[in-house]
Amino acid sequence: MSGHGAPELTVEGAQGLRVGVVAALWHTPVMDGLVAGTLTALEELGITEPTVVRVPGAFELPVVAKALADAGHDAVVALGVVIRGGTPHFEYVCSAATDGLTRVALDTGVPVGFGVLTCDTEQQALERAGVEGSKEDKGAEAATAAVATALALRTVAEPKRRRATGF
């Protein structure tokens, strides 16, 4: 199981963070589960009004993730699913989405929770989508990771802020 070894994250103090969610539209049952898991996790963390934007597919996630980061969000959660087919399309889309989302995080300094499923079958995607009978909830995991990272970045920036202001 791919979730083996996942950390148990305890996240406190997330209220007031601005979080953006960008989610693809392909594979509706999977995406509905990922979005629902993300929104539930954010609500449990005290984030009640995330910005949610839907895009056609996983290839379009990075450009909107960057727009959300540039608009002042403290964290972004990117959700999508790419299911292997009989052509190299799978590799190109997975690579473009992964590289693009990594670039957004590094270029902007805003953490991007990676909730893009890259699966061989739709059944594998459903097992990770947080729907009834799923073994995992990758939407919730991506949201929690993005928020935890945003809070970690605040602790890194805090000493610098204190030095600059003398407090």
Protein backbone atom coordinates (compact mmCIF):
# COMPACT_ATOMS: atom_id res chain seq x y z
CA MET A 1 0.00 0.00 0.00
CA SER A 2 1.41 3.39 -0.96
CA GLY A 3 0.35 5.02 2.32
CA HIS A 4 2.64 2.79 4.37
CA GLY A 5 5.01 4.92 6.44
CA ALA A 6 3.01 8.15 6.14
CA PRO A 7 3.58 10.58 9.04
CA GLU A 8 0.91 11.45 11.55
CA LEU A 9 0.75 15.24 11.29
CA THR A 10 -0.52 17.32 14.17
CA VAL A 11 -1.39 20.77 12.89
CA GLU A 12 -2.33 23.58 15.24
CA GLY A 13 -2.76 27.30 14.72
CA ALA A 14 -3.95 27.20 11.12
CA GLN A 15 -6.96 29.46 11.66
CA GLY A 16 -6.64 32.56 9.54
CA LEU A 17 -4.49 30.97 6.84
CA ARG A 18 -5.64 31.64 3.30
CA VAL A 19 -5.72 28.39 1.36
CA GLY A 20 -6.44 27.95 -2.32
CA VAL A 21 -7.57 24.67 -3.85
CA VAL A 22 -7.20 23.95 -7.56
CA ALA A 23 -8.88 20.77 -8.78
CA ALA A 24 -9.14 19.11 -12.16
CA LEU A 25 -12.47 18.02 -13.62
CA TRP A 26 -11.46 14.70 -15.25
CA HIS A 27 -12.72 11.48 -13.56
CA THR A 28 -15.61 12.99 -11.63
CA PRO A 29 -16.08 10.32 -8.93
CA VAL A 30 -12.38 10.43 -8.02
CA MET A 31 -12.21 14.20 -8.11
CA ASP A 32 -15.38 14.64 -6.06
CA GLY A 33 -13.79 12.46 -3.38
CA LEU A 34 -10.48 14.33 -3.43
CA VAL A 35 -12.20 17.73 -3.20
CA ALA A 36 -14.51 16.58 -0.40
CA GLY A 37 -11.59 15.16 1.58
CA THR A 38 -9.62 18.36 1.11
CA LEU A 39 -12.46 20.61 2.23
CA THR A 40 -13.21 18.42 5.26
CA ALA A 41 -9.56 18.42 6.32
CA LEU A 42 -9.29 22.19 5.92
CA GLU A 43 -12.44 22.72 7.97
CA GLU A 44 -11.06 20.46 10.72
CA LEU A 45 -7.92 22.64 10.71
CA GLY A 46 -10.03 25.77 11.18
CA ILE A 47 -9.91 26.98 7.58
CA THR A 48 -13.53 27.55 6.67
CA GLU A 49 -13.40 29.62 3.49
CA PRO A 50 -10.81 28.24 1.08
CA THR A 51 -10.78 29.50 -2.49
CA VAL A 52 -11.73 26.62 -4.82
CA VAL A 53 -11.02 26.79 -8.55
CA ARG A 54 -11.77 23.99 -11.01
CA VAL A 55 -9.71 23.47 -14.18
CA PRO A 56 -10.13 21.05 -17.10
CA GLY A 57 -7.33 18.62 -16.22
CA ALA A 58 -4.08 17.96 -14.39
CA PHE A 59 -2.03 19.78 -17.04
CA GLU A 60 -3.76 23.06 -16.11
CA LEU A 61 -3.13 22.77 -12.36
CA PRO A 62 0.25 24.60 -12.20
CA VAL A 63 -0.84 27.85 -13.85
CA VAL A 64 -3.82 28.26 -11.53
CA ALA A 65 -1.78 27.15 -8.51
CA LYS A 66 0.66 29.95 -9.34
CA ALA A 67 -2.18 32.47 -9.66
CA LEU A 68 -3.49 31.43 -6.23
CA ALA A 69 -0.01 31.75 -4.71
CA ASP A 70 0.51 35.14 -6.35
CA ALA A 71 -2.90 36.28 -5.03
CA GLY A 72 -1.66 35.95 -1.45
CA HIS A 73 -2.73 32.47 -0.41
CA ASP A 74 -0.57 30.96 2.33
CA ALA A 75 -0.88 27.47 0.85
CA VAL A 76 -2.30 25.83 -2.25
CA VAL A 77 -3.70 22.32 -2.62
CA ALA A 78 -3.53 20.86 -6.13
CA LEU A 79 -5.83 17.93 -6.93
CA GLY A 80 -5.99 15.80 -10.03
CA VAL A 81 -5.89 12.29 -11.38
CA VAL A 82 -4.12 10.84 -14.39
CA ILE A 83 -4.88 7.24 -15.29
CA ARG A 84 -2.46 5.32 -17.49
CA GLY A 85 -3.65 4.54 -20.97
CA GLY A 86 -2.05 2.96 -23.97
CA THR A 87 -0.04 6.00 -25.08
CA PRO A 88 2.85 8.07 -23.64
CA HIS A 89 0.29 10.80 -22.78
CA PHE A 90 0.30 9.58 -19.15
CA GLU A 91 4.01 10.24 -18.69
CA TYR A 92 3.85 13.68 -20.30
CA VAL A 93 0.91 14.89 -18.25
CA CYS A 94 2.24 13.47 -14.97
CA SER A 95 5.64 15.01 -15.55
CA ALA A 96 4.23 18.39 -16.57
CA ALA A 97 1.90 18.57 -13.57
CA THR A 98 4.55 17.44 -11.10
CA ASP A 99 7.30 19.69 -12.45
CA GLY A 100 4.93 22.65 -12.77
CA LEU A 101 3.60 22.36 -9.22
CA THR A 102 7.12 21.97 -7.84
CA ARG A 103 8.16 25.09 -9.72
CA VAL A 104 5.19 27.03 -8.33
CA ALA A 105 6.20 26.16 -4.77
CA LEU A 106 9.87 26.99 -5.30
CA ASP A 107 9.30 30.15 -7.34
CA THR A 108 6.69 31.63 -5.00
CA GLY A 109 7.67 30.21 -1.61
CA VAL A 110 4.06 29.10 -1.14
CA PRO A 111 3.67 25.42 -0.30
CA VAL A 112 1.68 23.32 -2.75
CA GLY A 113 0.02 20.19 -1.39
CA PHE A 114 0.39 17.50 -4.04
CA GLY A 115 -2.90 15.67 -4.42
CA VAL A 116 -2.39 14.46 -7.98
CA LEU A 117 -3.05 10.75 -8.27
CA THR A 118 -1.03 8.93 -10.93
CA CYS A 119 -2.57 5.49 -11.23
CA ASP A 120 -2.67 2.55 -13.58
CA THR A 121 -6.43 2.03 -13.17
CA GLU A 122 -9.51 3.93 -12.10
CA GLN A 123 -9.94 1.44 -9.25
CA GLN A 124 -6.52 2.40 -7.86
CA ALA A 125 -7.57 6.06 -8.02
CA LEU A 126 -10.84 5.36 -6.22
CA GLU A 127 -8.93 3.51 -3.47
CA ARG A 128 -6.98 6.73 -2.80
CA ALA A 129 -9.76 9.28 -3.37
CA GLY A 130 -11.40 9.22 0.06
CA VAL A 131 -14.72 7.93 -1.27
CA GLU A 132 -16.72 5.26 0.53
CA GLY A 133 -14.59 2.12 0.67
CA SER A 134 -11.31 3.94 -0.04
CA LYS A 135 -8.17 2.88 1.78
CA GLU A 136 -6.70 6.39 1.67
CA ASP A 137 -7.80 10.03 1.42
CA LYS A 138 -5.12 11.78 -0.62
CA GLY A 139 -7.15 15.01 -0.75
CA ALA A 140 -7.07 15.29 3.03
CA GLU A 141 -3.40 14.32 3.10
CA ALA A 142 -2.48 17.00 0.53
CA ALA A 143 -4.43 19.67 2.43
CA THR A 144 -2.84 18.77 5.76
CA ALA A 145 0.65 18.70 4.24
CA ALA A 146 0.20 22.11 2.58
CA VAL A 147 -1.07 23.73 5.79
CA ALA A 148 1.61 22.08 7.95
CA THR A 149 4.27 23.36 5.56
CA ALA A 150 2.81 26.88 5.56
CA LEU A 151 3.02 26.89 9.35
CA ALA A 152 6.57 25.53 9.23
CA LEU A 153 7.55 28.35 6.88
CA ARG A 154 6.13 30.86 9.36
CA THR A 155 8.39 29.50 12.10
CA VAL A 156 11.39 29.83 9.80
CA ALA A 157 10.47 33.43 8.91
CA GLU A 158 9.72 34.42 12.52
CA PRO A 159 13.34 34.79 13.74
CA LYS A 160 14.16 36.89 10.67
CA ARG A 161 11.17 39.14 11.38
CA ARG A 162 12.27 39.57 14.98
CA ARG A 163 15.81 40.50 13.93
CA ALA A 164 14.50 43.04 11.41
CA THR A 165 12.15 44.75 13.87
CA GLY A 166 14.20 44.31 17.03
CA PHE A 167 11.39 42.40 18.78
